[in-house]
Amino acid sequence: MIVAGIGCSSRVTLAEMQALLQQMTLGRKLARIVCLEARAPLIAPLAQVLDLPLLTLPRGALRGISTPTISPRVMDDFGTGSVAEACALLGAGRAARIVVFRARSDMGQATCALAEGDAG
């Protein structure tokens, strides 16, 4: 199953997230979207438009998750290198691996990564 992990600022728009996700998936079928609990109100409309379940994670769940992409600021703030990649990995379950590395939206207000795993 393929899972999209999304991180965003409070200024993100639905259109910006849709455009980023469209670029990232390139025909892949998503099983769910994963984000931080604090960002759920911003990301829930995206999940609703795409008719996908939204899994939310507490901030502390990301601490210690090893990600291929490392942002020093994110590491300091969240204890992981990439919010989007950590969310994707946690949401994809055991044996999860990143299949599309974190990318930033054109407007810079969202990040997305895709992971594949065996979560049901």
PDB file of N, CA and C in Angstrom:
ATOM      1  N   MET A   1       0.831  -1.173   0.000  1.00  0.00           N
ATOM      2  CA  MET A   1       0.000   0.000   0.000  1.00  0.00           C
ATOM      3  C   MET A   1       0.873   1.232   0.000  1.00  0.00           C
ATOM      4  N   ILE A   2       0.444   2.257  -0.715  1.00  0.00           N
ATOM      5  CA  ILE A   2       1.168   3.530  -0.815  1.00  0.00           C
ATOM      6  C   ILE A   2       0.451   4.563   0.056  1.00  0.00           C
ATOM      7  N   VAL A   3       1.247   5.259   0.848  1.00  0.00           N
ATOM      8  CA  VAL A   3       0.739   6.254   1.792  1.00  0.00           C
ATOM      9  C   VAL A   3       1.433   7.587   1.523  1.00  0.00           C
ATOM     10  N   ALA A   4       0.671   8.669   1.584  1.00  0.00           N
ATOM     11  CA  ALA A   4       1.236  10.015   1.442  1.00  0.00           C
ATOM     12  C   ALA A   4       1.367  10.633   2.827  1.00  0.00           C
ATOM     13  N   GLY A   5       2.576  11.062   3.157  1.00  0.00           N
ATOM     14  CA  GLY A   5       2.802  11.840   4.368  1.00  0.00           C
ATOM     15  C   GLY A   5       2.860  13.299   3.955  1.00  0.00           C
ATOM     16  N   ILE A   6       2.137  14.141   4.695  1.00  0.00           N
ATOM     17  CA  ILE A   6       2.089  15.561   4.341  1.00  0.00           C
ATOM     18  C   ILE A   6       2.424  16.408   5.557  1.00  0.00           C
ATOM     19  N   GLY A   7       3.289  17.386   5.327  1.00  0.00           N
ATOM     20  CA  GLY A   7       3.582  18.416   6.310  1.00  0.00           C
ATOM     21  C   GLY A   7       3.210  19.745   5.692  1.00  0.00           C
ATOM     22  N   CYS A   8       2.833  20.711   6.513  1.00  0.00           N
ATOM     23  CA  CYS A   8       2.447  22.003   5.947  1.00  0.00           C
ATOM     24  C   CYS A   8       2.544  23.121   6.967  1.00  0.00           C
ATOM     25  N   SER A   9       2.538  24.333   6.453  1.00  0.00           N
ATOM     26  CA  SER A   9       2.469  25.511   7.304  1.00  0.00           C
ATOM     27  C   SER A   9       1.000  25.889   7.469  1.00  0.00           C
ATOM     28  N   SER A  10       0.735  26.798   8.351  1.00  0.00           N
ATOM     29  CA  SER A  10      -0.644  27.239   8.576  1.00  0.00           C
ATOM     30  C   SER A  10      -1.183  28.060   7.404  1.00  0.00           C
ATOM     31  N   ARG A  11      -0.336  28.432   6.474  1.00  0.00           N
ATOM     32  CA  ARG A  11      -0.745  29.235   5.318  1.00  0.00           C
ATOM     33  C   ARG A  11      -1.045  28.394   4.070  1.00  0.00           C
ATOM     34  N   VAL A  12      -0.992  27.097   4.177  1.00  0.00           N
ATOM     35  CA  VAL A  12      -1.199  26.234   3.014  1.00  0.00           C
ATOM     36  C   VAL A  12      -2.638  26.326   2.513  1.00  0.00           C
ATOM     37  N   THR A  13      -2.792  26.121   1.210  1.00  0.00           N
ATOM     38  CA  THR A  13      -4.135  26.087   0.619  1.00  0.00           C
ATOM     39  C   THR A  13      -4.425  24.680   0.111  1.00  0.00           C
ATOM     40  N   LEU A  14      -5.689  24.385  -0.029  1.00  0.00           N
ATOM     41  CA  LEU A  14      -6.098  23.096  -0.579  1.00  0.00           C
ATOM     42  C   LEU A  14      -5.539  22.923  -1.986  1.00  0.00           C
ATOM     43  N   ALA A  15      -5.621  23.955  -2.803  1.00  0.00           N
ATOM     44  CA  ALA A  15      -5.123  23.870  -4.178  1.00  0.00           C
ATOM     45  C   ALA A  15      -3.631  23.558  -4.211  1.00  0.00           C
ATOM     46  N   GLU A  16      -2.871  24.162  -3.315  1.00  0.00           N
ATOM     47  CA  GLU A  16      -1.428  23.915  -3.258  1.00  0.00           C
ATOM     48  C   GLU A  16      -1.141  22.454  -2.913  1.00  0.00           C
ATOM     49  N   MET A  17      -1.875  21.917  -1.924  1.00  0.00           N
ATOM     50  CA  MET A  17      -1.670  20.511  -1.544  1.00  0.00           C
ATOM     51  C   MET A  17      -2.103  19.570  -2.658  1.00  0.00           C
ATOM     52  N   GLN A  18      -3.203  19.879  -3.331  1.00  0.00           N
ATOM     53  CA  GLN A  18      -3.667  19.033  -4.436  1.00  0.00           C
ATOM     54  C   GLN A  18      -2.632  18.984  -5.552  1.00  0.00           C
ATOM     55  N   ALA A  19      -2.082  20.133  -5.910  1.00  0.00           N
ATOM     56  CA  ALA A  19      -1.086  20.186  -6.978  1.00  0.00           C
ATOM     57  C   ALA A  19       0.157  19.385  -6.601  1.00  0.00           C
ATOM     58  N   LEU A  20       0.609  19.519  -5.377  1.00  0.00           N
ATOM     59  CA  LEU A  20       1.793  18.781  -4.921  1.00  0.00           C
ATOM     60  C   LEU A  20       1.529  17.279  -4.946  1.00  0.00           C
ATOM     61  N   LEU A  21       0.397  16.860  -4.427  1.00  0.00           N
ATOM     62  CA  LEU A  21       0.079  15.433  -4.389  1.00  0.00           C
ATOM     63  C   LEU A  21      -0.051  14.856  -5.797  1.00  0.00           C
ATOM     64  N   GLN A  22      -0.609  15.625  -6.695  1.00  0.00           N
ATOM     65  CA  GLN A  22      -0.731  15.166  -8.084  1.00  0.00           C
ATOM     66  C   GLN A  22       0.655  14.952  -8.696  1.00  0.00           C
ATOM     67  N   GLN A  23       1.579  15.877  -8.449  1.00  0.00           N
ATOM     68  CA  GLN A  23       2.951  15.732  -8.943  1.00  0.00           C
ATOM     69  C   GLN A  23       3.627  14.509  -8.337  1.00  0.00           C
ATOM     70  N   MET A  24       3.359  14.258  -7.072  1.00  0.00           N
ATOM     71  CA  MET A  24       4.045  13.186  -6.347  1.00  0.00           C
ATOM     72  C   MET A  24       3.550  11.800  -6.738  1.00  0.00           C
ATOM     73  N   THR A  25       2.263  11.643  -6.948  1.00  0.00           N
ATOM     74  CA  THR A  25       1.711  10.306  -7.138  1.00  0.00           C
ATOM     75  C   THR A  25       1.945   9.740  -8.528  1.00  0.00           C
ATOM     76  N   LEU A  26       1.915  10.572  -9.553  1.00  0.00           N
ATOM     77  CA  LEU A  26       2.159  10.116 -10.928  1.00  0.00           C
ATOM     78  C   LEU A  26       1.468   8.784 -11.233  1.00  0.00           C
ATOM     79  N   GLY A  27       0.167   8.740 -10.978  1.00  0.00           N
ATOM     80  CA  GLY A  27      -0.604   7.548 -11.297  1.00  0.00           C
ATOM     81  C   GLY A  27      -0.661   6.489 -10.214  1.00  0.00           C
ATOM     82  N   ARG A  28       0.107   6.643  -9.155  1.00  0.00           N
ATOM     83  CA  ARG A  28       0.039   5.675  -8.053  1.00  0.00           C
ATOM     84  C   ARG A  28      -1.273   5.844  -7.300  1.00  0.00           C
ATOM     85  N   LYS A  29      -1.843   4.748  -6.870  1.00  0.00           N
ATOM     86  CA  LYS A  29      -3.080   4.782  -6.092  1.00  0.00           C
ATOM     87  C   LYS A  29      -2.730   4.863  -4.607  1.00  0.00           C
ATOM     88  N   LEU A  30      -3.209   5.900  -3.959  1.00  0.00           N
ATOM     89  CA  LEU A  30      -2.948   6.084  -2.533  1.00  0.00           C
ATOM     90  C   LEU A  30      -3.969   5.340  -1.685  1.00  0.00           C
ATOM     91  N   ALA A  31      -3.509   4.846  -0.537  1.00  0.00           N
ATOM     92  CA  ALA A  31      -4.395   4.178   0.408  1.00  0.00           C
ATOM     93  C   ALA A  31      -4.850   5.120   1.517  1.00  0.00           C
ATOM     94  N   ARG A  32      -3.994   6.094   1.877  1.00  0.00           N
ATOM     95  CA  ARG A  32      -4.343   7.043   2.936  1.00  0.00           C
ATOM     96  C   ARG A  32      -3.378   8.208   2.933  1.00  0.00           C
ATOM     97  N   ILE A  33      -3.764   9.234   3.655  1.00  0.00           N
ATOM     98  CA  ILE A  33      -2.924  10.399   3.898  1.00  0.00           C
ATOM     99  C   ILE A  33      -2.620  10.428   5.386  1.00  0.00           C
ATOM    100  N   VAL A  34      -1.381  10.791   5.718  1.00  0.00           N
ATOM    101  CA  VAL A  34      -0.950  10.834   7.111  1.00  0.00           C
ATOM    102  C   VAL A  34      -0.354  12.203   7.406  1.00  0.00           C
ATOM    103  N   CYS A  35      -0.720  12.758   8.567  1.00  0.00           N
ATOM    104  CA  CYS A  35      -0.198  14.064   8.959  1.00  0.00           C
ATOM    105  C   CYS A  35      -0.151  14.170  10.479  1.00  0.00           C
ATOM    106  N   LEU A  36       0.408  15.262  10.959  1.00  0.00           N
ATOM    107  CA  LEU A  36       0.401  15.544  12.384  1.00  0.00           C
ATOM    108  C   LEU A  36      -1.005  15.951  12.822  1.00  0.00           C
ATOM    109  N   GLU A  37      -1.379  15.571  14.047  1.00  0.00           N
ATOM    110  CA  GLU A  37      -2.692  15.942  14.588  1.00  0.00           C
ATOM    111  C   GLU A  37      -2.943  17.441  14.479  1.00  0.00           C
ATOM    112  N   ALA A  38      -1.919  18.220  14.766  1.00  0.00           N
ATOM    113  CA  ALA A  38      -2.075  19.677  14.762  1.00  0.00           C
ATOM    114  C   ALA A  38      -2.415  20.229  13.384  1.00  0.00           C
ATOM    115  N   ARG A  39      -2.080  19.511  12.332  1.00  0.00           N
ATOM    116  CA  ARG A  39      -2.342  19.980  10.970  1.00  0.00           C
ATOM    117  C   ARG A  39      -3.586  19.330  10.351  1.00  0.00           C
ATOM    118  N   ALA A  40      -4.236  18.464  11.077  1.00  0.00           N
ATOM    119  CA  ALA A  40      -5.409  17.765  10.547  1.00  0.00           C
ATOM    120  C   ALA A  40      -6.492  18.705  10.027  1.00  0.00           C
ATOM    121  N   PRO A  41      -6.807  19.815  10.710  1.00  0.00           N
ATOM    122  CA  PRO A  41      -7.842  20.700  10.163  1.00  0.00           C
ATOM    123  C   PRO A  41      -7.482  21.275   8.787  1.00  0.00           C
ATOM    124  N   LEU A  42      -6.202  21.431   8.513  1.00  0.00           N
ATOM    125  CA  LEU A  42      -5.765  21.949   7.220  1.00  0.00           C
ATOM    126  C   LEU A  42      -5.741  20.874   6.142  1.00  0.00           C
ATOM    127  N   ILE A  43      -5.442  19.641   6.532  1.00  0.00           N
ATOM    128  CA  ILE A  43      -5.256  18.555   5.570  1.00  0.00           C
ATOM    129  C   ILE A  43      -6.524  17.718   5.371  1.00  0.00           C
ATOM    130  N   ALA A  44      -7.440  17.767   6.319  1.00  0.00           N
ATOM    131  CA  ALA A  44      -8.690  17.006   6.201  1.00  0.00           C
ATOM    132  C   ALA A  44      -9.470  17.327   4.921  1.00  0.00           C
ATOM    133  N   PRO A  45      -9.554  18.599   4.500  1.00  0.00           N
ATOM    134  CA  PRO A  45     -10.272  18.861   3.238  1.00  0.00           C
ATOM    135  C   PRO A  45      -9.645  18.154   2.033  1.00  0.00           C
ATOM    136  N   LEU A  46      -8.318  18.010   2.020  1.00  0.00           N
ATOM    137  CA  LEU A  46      -7.646  17.286   0.943  1.00  0.00           C
ATOM    138  C   LEU A  46      -8.065  15.817   0.956  1.00  0.00           C
ATOM    139  N   ALA A  47      -8.030  15.206   2.128  1.00  0.00           N
ATOM    140  CA  ALA A  47      -8.436  13.799   2.244  1.00  0.00           C
ATOM    141  C   ALA A  47      -9.891  13.622   1.812  1.00  0.00           C
ATOM    142  N   GLN A  48     -10.733  14.574   2.185  1.00  0.00           N
ATOM    143  CA  GLN A  48     -12.149  14.487   1.833  1.00  0.00           C
ATOM    144  C   GLN A  48     -12.345  14.593   0.315  1.00  0.00           C
ATOM    145  N   VAL A  49     -11.680  15.547  -0.323  1.00  0.00           N
ATOM    146  CA  VAL A  49     -11.792  15.722  -1.780  1.00  0.00           C
ATOM    147  C   VAL A  49     -11.321  14.472  -2.512  1.00  0.00           C
ATOM    148  N   LEU A  50     -10.272  13.847  -1.996  1.00  0.00           N
ATOM    149  CA  LEU A  50      -9.714  12.656  -2.645  1.00  0.00           C
ATOM    150  C   LEU A  50     -10.373  11.362  -2.178  1.00  0.00           C
ATOM    151  N   ASP A  51     -11.306  11.469  -1.234  1.00  0.00           N
ATOM    152  CA  ASP A  51     -11.999  10.315  -0.658  1.00  0.00           C
ATOM    153  C   ASP A  51     -11.010   9.292  -0.099  1.00  0.00           C
ATOM    154  N   LEU A  52     -10.048   9.816   0.687  1.00  0.00           N
ATOM    155  CA  LEU A  52      -9.042   8.967   1.323  1.00  0.00           C
ATOM    156  C   LEU A  52      -9.129   9.109   2.834  1.00  0.00           C
ATOM    157  N   PRO A  53      -8.847   8.026   3.562  1.00  0.00           N
ATOM    158  CA  PRO A  53      -8.791   8.159   5.020  1.00  0.00           C
ATOM    159  C   PRO A  53      -7.603   9.027   5.432  1.00  0.00           C
ATOM    160  N   LEU A  54      -7.783   9.751   6.514  1.00  0.00           N
ATOM    161  CA  LEU A  54      -6.722  10.589   7.072  1.00  0.00           C
ATOM    162  C   LEU A  54      -6.316  10.009   8.416  1.00  0.00           C
ATOM    163  N   LEU A  55      -5.050   9.653   8.526  1.00  0.00           N
ATOM    164  CA  LEU A  55      -4.484   9.162   9.780  1.00  0.00           C
ATOM    165  C   LEU A  55      -3.691  10.310  10.386  1.00  0.00           C
ATOM    166  N   THR A  56      -3.958  10.625  11.649  1.00  0.00           N
ATOM    167  CA  THR A  56      -3.218  11.695  12.310  1.00  0.00           C
ATOM    168  C   THR A  56      -2.324  11.108  13.396  1.00  0.00           C
ATOM    169  N   LEU A  57      -1.183  11.737  13.579  1.00  0.00           N
ATOM    170  CA  LEU A  57      -0.185  11.272  14.533  1.00  0.00           C
ATOM    171  C   LEU A  57       0.152  12.375  15.523  1.00  0.00           C
ATOM    172  N   PRO A  58       0.382  12.007  16.781  1.00  0.00           N
ATOM    173  CA  PRO A  58       0.854  13.017  17.727  1.00  0.00           C
ATOM    174  C   PRO A  58       2.282  13.408  17.382  1.00  0.00           C
ATOM    175  N   ARG A  59       2.625  14.640  17.685  1.00  0.00           N
ATOM    176  CA  ARG A  59       3.958  15.172  17.391  1.00  0.00           C
ATOM    177  C   ARG A  59       5.073  14.243  17.889  1.00  0.00           C
ATOM    178  N   GLY A  60       4.915  13.710  19.080  1.00  0.00           N
ATOM    179  CA  GLY A  60       5.941  12.852  19.678  1.00  0.00           C
ATOM    180  C   GLY A  60       6.189  11.555  18.930  1.00  0.00           C
ATOM    181  N   ALA A  61       5.239  11.114  18.132  1.00  0.00           N
ATOM    182  CA  ALA A  61       5.406   9.858  17.388  1.00  0.00           C
ATOM    183  C   ALA A  61       6.517   9.953  16.350  1.00  0.00           C
ATOM    184  N   LEU A  62       6.816  11.168  15.899  1.00  0.00           N
ATOM    185  CA  LEU A  62       7.834  11.351  14.866  1.00  0.00           C
ATOM    186  C   LEU A  62       9.259  11.306  15.410  1.00  0.00           C
ATOM    187  N   ARG A  63       9.406  11.570  16.702  1.00  0.00           N
ATOM    188  CA  ARG A  63      10.738  11.635  17.313  1.00  0.00           C
ATOM    189  C   ARG A  63      11.473  10.311  17.118  1.00  0.00           C
ATOM    190  N   GLY A  64      12.674  10.408  16.548  1.00  0.00           N
ATOM    191  CA  GLY A  64      13.519   9.229  16.368  1.00  0.00           C
ATOM    192  C   GLY A  64      13.289   8.467  15.077  1.00  0.00           C
ATOM    193  N   ILE A  65      12.315   8.871  14.278  1.00  0.00           N
ATOM    194  CA  ILE A  65      12.083   8.192  13.000  1.00  0.00           C
ATOM    195  C   ILE A  65      13.172   8.640  12.021  1.00  0.00           C
ATOM    196  N   SER A  66      13.894   7.676  11.487  1.00  0.00           N
ATOM    197  CA  SER A  66      14.977   7.956  10.546  1.00  0.00           C
ATOM    198  C   SER A  66      14.399   8.190   9.152  1.00  0.00           C
ATOM    199  N   THR A  67      14.769   9.313   8.553  1.00  0.00           N
ATOM    200  CA  THR A  67      14.269   9.657   7.222  1.00  0.00           C
ATOM    201  C   THR A  67      15.439   9.916   6.280  1.00  0.00           C
ATOM    202  N   PRO A  68      15.246   9.631   4.985  1.00  0.00           N
ATOM    203  CA  PRO A  68      16.326   9.880   4.032  1.00  0.00           C
ATOM    204  C   PRO A  68      16.674  11.357   3.889  1.00  0.00           C
ATOM    205  N   THR A  69      15.667  12.216   3.995  1.00  0.00           N
ATOM    206  CA  THR A  69      15.872  13.657   3.884  1.00  0.00           C
ATOM    207  C   THR A  69      16.012  14.230   5.289  1.00  0.00           C
ATOM    208  N   ILE A  70      16.974  15.117   5.475  1.00  0.00           N
ATOM    209  CA  ILE A  70      17.179  15.691   6.812  1.00  0.00           C
ATOM    210  C   ILE A  70      17.244  17.212   6.725  1.00  0.00           C
ATOM    211  N   SER A  71      16.289  17.839   7.380  1.00  0.00           N
ATOM    212  CA  SER A  71      16.278  19.289   7.536  1.00  0.00           C
ATOM    213  C   SER A  71      16.731  19.576   8.971  1.00  0.00           C
ATOM    214  N   PRO A  72      17.804  20.340   9.154  1.00  0.00           N
ATOM    215  CA  PRO A  72      18.252  20.644  10.521  1.00  0.00           C
ATOM    216  C   PRO A  72      17.166  21.314  11.368  1.00  0.00           C
ATOM    217  N   ARG A  73      16.372  22.204  10.770  1.00  0.00           N
ATOM    218  CA  ARG A  73      15.306  22.863  11.516  1.00  0.00           C
ATOM    219  C   ARG A  73      14.247  21.867  11.977  1.00  0.00           C
ATOM    220  N   VAL A  74      13.851  20.977  11.082  1.00  0.00           N
ATOM    221  CA  VAL A  74      12.853  19.961  11.423  1.00  0.00           C
ATOM    222  C   VAL A  74      13.422  19.003  12.465  1.00  0.00           C
ATOM    223  N   MET A  75      14.701  18.651  12.332  1.00  0.00           N
ATOM    224  CA  MET A  75      15.331  17.770  13.318  1.00  0.00           C
ATOM    225  C   MET A  75      15.286  18.409  14.705  1.00  0.00           C
ATOM    226  N   ASP A  76      15.588  19.688  14.791  1.00  0.00           N
ATOM    227  CA  ASP A  76      15.540  20.397  16.074  1.00  0.00           C
ATOM    228  C   ASP A  76      14.124  20.469  16.631  1.00  0.00           C
ATOM    229  N   ASP A  77      13.161  20.745  15.767  1.00  0.00           N
ATOM    230  CA  ASP A  77      11.775  20.938  16.208  1.00  0.00           C
ATOM    231  C   ASP A  77      11.014  19.644  16.466  1.00  0.00           C
ATOM    232  N   PHE A  78      11.264  18.608  15.661  1.00  0.00           N
ATOM    233  CA  PHE A  78      10.442  17.404  15.713  1.00  0.00           C
ATOM    234  C   PHE A  78      11.200  16.118  16.052  1.00  0.00           C
ATOM    235  N   GLY A  79      12.528  16.160  16.042  1.00  0.00           N
ATOM    236  CA  GLY A  79      13.293  14.953  16.338  1.00  0.00           C
ATOM    237  C   GLY A  79      13.339  13.960  15.196  1.00  0.00           C
ATOM    238  N   THR A  80      13.069  14.423  13.991  1.00  0.00           N
ATOM    239  CA  THR A  80      13.152  13.617  12.776  1.00  0.00           C
ATOM    240  C   THR A  80      13.605  14.539  11.650  1.00  0.00           C
ATOM    241  N   GLY A  81      14.089  13.973  10.576  1.00  0.00           N
ATOM    242  CA  GLY A  81      14.609  14.798   9.499  1.00  0.00           C
ATOM    243  C   GLY A  81      13.571  15.413   8.588  1.00  0.00           C
ATOM    244  N   SER A  82      12.401  14.777   8.486  1.00  0.00           N
ATOM    245  CA  SER A  82      11.351  15.246   7.585  1.00  0.00           C
ATOM    246  C   SER A  82       9.992  14.836   8.151  1.00  0.00           C
ATOM    247  N   VAL A  83       9.134  15.808   8.370  1.00  0.00           N
ATOM    248  CA  VAL A  83       7.786  15.506   8.860  1.00  0.00           C
ATOM    249  C   VAL A  83       7.043  14.650   7.841  1.00  0.00           C
ATOM    250  N   ALA A  84       7.094  15.033   6.571  1.00  0.00           N
ATOM    251  CA  ALA A  84       6.363  14.293   5.538  1.00  0.00           C
ATOM    252  C   ALA A  84       6.848  12.850   5.430  1.00  0.00           C
ATOM    253  N   GLU A  85       8.163  12.647   5.407  1.00  0.00           N
ATOM    254  CA  GLU A  85       8.693  11.285   5.292  1.00  0.00           C
ATOM    255  C   GLU A  85       8.397  10.463   6.535  1.00  0.00           C
ATOM    256  N   ALA A  86       8.530  11.053   7.713  1.00  0.00           N
ATOM    257  CA  ALA A  86       8.240  10.317   8.955  1.00  0.00           C
ATOM    258  C   ALA A  86       6.763   9.925   9.013  1.00  0.00           C
ATOM    259  N   CYS A  87       5.871  10.838   8.641  1.00  0.00           N
ATOM    260  CA  CYS A  87       4.444  10.520   8.625  1.00  0.00           C
ATOM    261  C   CYS A  87       4.153   9.391   7.640  1.00  0.00           C
ATOM    262  N   ALA A  88       4.744   9.478   6.457  1.00  0.00           N
ATOM    263  CA  ALA A  88       4.522   8.436   5.448  1.00  0.00           C
ATOM    264  C   ALA A  88       5.009   7.080   5.943  1.00  0.00           C
ATOM    265  N   LEU A  89       6.196   7.048   6.528  1.00  0.00           N
ATOM    266  CA  LEU A  89       6.744   5.783   7.032  1.00  0.00           C
ATOM    267  C   LEU A  89       5.886   5.200   8.147  1.00  0.00           C
ATOM    268  N   LEU A  90       5.479   6.028   9.092  1.00  0.00           N
ATOM    269  CA  LEU A  90       4.649   5.536  10.191  1.00  0.00           C
ATOM    270  C   LEU A  90       3.285   5.066   9.697  1.00  0.00           C
ATOM    271  N   GLY A  91       2.732   5.756   8.724  1.00  0.00           N
ATOM    272  CA  GLY A  91       1.424   5.389   8.209  1.00  0.00           C
ATOM    273  C   GLY A  91       1.422   4.169   7.317  1.00  0.00           C
ATOM    274  N   ALA A  92       2.589   3.823   6.775  1.00  0.00           N
ATOM    275  CA  ALA A  92       2.678   2.672   5.868  1.00  0.00           C
ATOM    276  C   ALA A  92       2.892   1.349   6.598  1.00  0.00           C
ATOM    277  N   GLY A  93       3.243   1.396   7.871  1.00  0.00           N
ATOM    278  CA  GLY A  93       3.365   0.159   8.648  1.00  0.00           C
ATOM    279  C   GLY A  93       4.729  -0.491   8.583  1.00  0.00           C
ATOM    280  N   ARG A  94       4.745  -1.755   8.996  1.00  0.00           N
ATOM    281  CA  ARG A  94       6.013  -2.501   9.043  1.00  0.00           C
ATOM    282  C   ARG A  94       6.632  -2.602   7.668  1.00  0.00           C
ATOM    283  N   ALA A  95       7.923  -2.670   7.662  1.00  0.00           N
ATOM    284  CA  ALA A  95       8.708  -2.802   6.429  1.00  0.00           C
ATOM    285  C   ALA A  95       8.478  -1.627   5.481  1.00  0.00           C
ATOM    286  N   ALA A  96       8.053  -0.498   6.025  1.00  0.00           N
ATOM    287  CA  ALA A  96       7.800   0.679   5.182  1.00  0.00           C
ATOM    288  C   ALA A  96       9.108   1.214   4.627  1.00  0.00           C
ATOM    289  N   ARG A  97       9.009   1.731   3.415  1.00  0.00           N
ATOM    290  CA  ARG A  97      10.165   2.371   2.784  1.00  0.00           C
ATOM    291  C   ARG A  97       9.669   3.547   1.961  1.00  0.00           C
ATOM    292  N   ILE A  98      10.485   4.566   1.887  1.00  0.00           N
ATOM    293  CA  ILE A  98      10.141   5.736   1.086  1.00  0.00           C
ATOM    294  C   ILE A  98      10.269   5.373  -0.392  1.00  0.00           C
ATOM    295  N   VAL A  99       9.227   5.649  -1.160  1.00  0.00           N
ATOM    296  CA  VAL A  99       9.270   5.398  -2.602  1.00  0.00           C
ATOM    297  C   VAL A  99       9.373   6.700  -3.397  1.00  0.00           C
ATOM    298  N   VAL A 100       8.984   7.823  -2.779  1.00  0.00           N
ATOM    299  CA  VAL A 100       9.182   9.147  -3.366  1.00  0.00           C
ATOM    300  C   VAL A 100       9.619  10.070  -2.230  1.00  0.00           C
ATOM    301  N   PHE A 101      10.850  10.571  -2.330  1.00  0.00           N
ATOM    302  CA  PHE A 101      11.397  11.438  -1.291  1.00  0.00           C
ATOM    303  C   PHE A 101      10.593  12.723  -1.147  1.00  0.00           C
ATOM    304  N   ARG A 102      10.761  13.352  -0.017  1.00  0.00           N
ATOM    305  CA  ARG A 102      10.058  14.592   0.294  1.00  0.00           C
ATOM    306  C   ARG A 102      10.286  15.639  -0.797  1.00  0.00           C
ATOM    307  N   ALA A 103       9.203  16.286  -1.165  1.00  0.00           N
ATOM    308  CA  ALA A 103       9.256  17.407  -2.094  1.00  0.00           C
ATOM    309  C   ALA A 103       8.440  18.545  -1.504  1.00  0.00           C
ATOM    310  N   ARG A 104       8.807  19.736  -1.866  1.00  0.00           N
ATOM    311  CA  ARG A 104       8.112  20.941  -1.390  1.00  0.00           C
ATOM    312  C   ARG A 104       7.227  21.476  -2.516  1.00  0.00           C
ATOM    313  N   SER A 105       6.082  21.996  -2.139  1.00  0.00           N
ATOM    314  CA  SER A 105       5.166  22.595  -3.111  1.00  0.00           C
ATOM    315  C   SER A 105       5.780  23.848  -3.721  1.00  0.00           C
ATOM    316  N   ASP A 106       5.251  24.252  -4.859  1.00  0.00           N
ATOM    317  CA  ASP A 106       5.762  25.437  -5.545  1.00  0.00           C
ATOM    318  C   ASP A 106       5.690  26.688  -4.677  1.00  0.00           C
ATOM    319  N   MET A 107       4.660  26.810  -3.877  1.00  0.00           N
ATOM    320  CA  MET A 107       4.493  27.975  -3.006  1.00  0.00           C
ATOM    321  C   MET A 107       5.276  27.831  -1.698  1.00  0.00           C
ATOM    322  N   GLY A 108       5.799  26.624  -1.441  1.00  0.00           N
ATOM    323  CA  GLY A 108       6.632  26.402  -0.262  1.00  0.00           C
ATOM    324  C   GLY A 108       5.892  26.187   1.043  1.00  0.00           C
ATOM    325  N   GLN A 109       4.578  25.990   0.989  1.00  0.00           N
ATOM    326  CA  GLN A 109       3.800  25.849   2.217  1.00  0.00           C
ATOM    327  C   GLN A 109       3.458  24.404   2.569  1.00  0.00           C
ATOM    328  N   ALA A 110       3.851  23.453   1.728  1.00  0.00           N
ATOM    329  CA  ALA A 110       3.555  22.036   1.984  1.00  0.00           C
ATOM    330  C   ALA A 110       4.709  21.166   1.531  1.00  0.00           C
ATOM    331  N   THR A 111       4.856  20.037   2.207  1.00  0.00           N
ATOM    332  CA  THR A 111       5.790  18.997   1.788  1.00  0.00           C
ATOM    333  C   THR A 111       5.029  17.682   1.727  1.00  0.00           C
ATOM    334  N   CYS A 112       5.504  16.787   0.895  1.00  0.00           N
ATOM    335  CA  CYS A 112       4.854  15.494   0.745  1.00  0.00           C
ATOM    336  C   CYS A 112       5.924  14.449   0.445  1.00  0.00           C
ATOM    337  N   ALA A 113       5.697  13.248   0.949  1.00  0.00           N
ATOM    338  CA  ALA A 113       6.540  12.083   0.641  1.00  0.00           C
ATOM    339  C   ALA A 113       5.619  10.868   0.529  1.00  0.00           C
ATOM    340  N   LEU A 114       6.031   9.879  -0.233  1.00  0.00           N
ATOM    341  CA  LEU A 114       5.267   8.648  -0.365  1.00  0.00           C
ATOM    342  C   LEU A 114       6.070   7.480   0.183  1.00  0.00           C
ATOM    343  N   ALA A 115       5.377   6.620   0.926  1.00  0.00           N
ATOM    344  CA  ALA A 115       5.997   5.406   1.452  1.00  0.00           C
ATOM    345  C   ALA A 115       5.121   4.207   1.091  1.00  0.00           C
ATOM    346  N   GLU A 116       5.762   3.069   0.990  1.00  0.00           N
ATOM    347  CA  GLU A 116       5.060   1.826   0.718  1.00  0.00           C
ATOM    348  C   GLU A 116       5.328   0.873   1.865  1.00  0.00           C
ATOM    349  N   GLY A 117       4.290   0.185   2.307  1.00  0.00           N
ATOM    350  CA  GLY A 117       4.432  -0.755   3.414  1.00  0.00           C
ATOM    351  C   GLY A 117       3.268  -1.720   3.447  1.00  0.00           C
ATOM    352  N   ASP A 118       3.150  -2.408   4.575  1.00  0.00           N
ATOM    353  CA  ASP A 118       2.129  -3.457   4.687  1.00  0.00           C
ATOM    354  C   ASP A 118       0.994  -3.121   5.641  1.00  0.00           C
ATOM    355  N   ALA A 119       0.854  -1.850   6.011  1.00  0.00           N
ATOM    356  CA  ALA A 119      -0.237  -1.478   6.921  1.00  0.00           C
ATOM    357  C   ALA A 119      -1.576  -1.775   6.272  1.00  0.00           C
ATOM    358  N   GLY A 120      -2.519  -2.222   7.090  1.00  0.00           N
ATOM    359  CA  GLY A 120      -3.828  -2.575   6.558  1.00  0.00           C
ATOM    360  C   GLY A 120      -4.812  -1.552   6.685  1.00  0.00           C
TER     361      GLY A 120
END
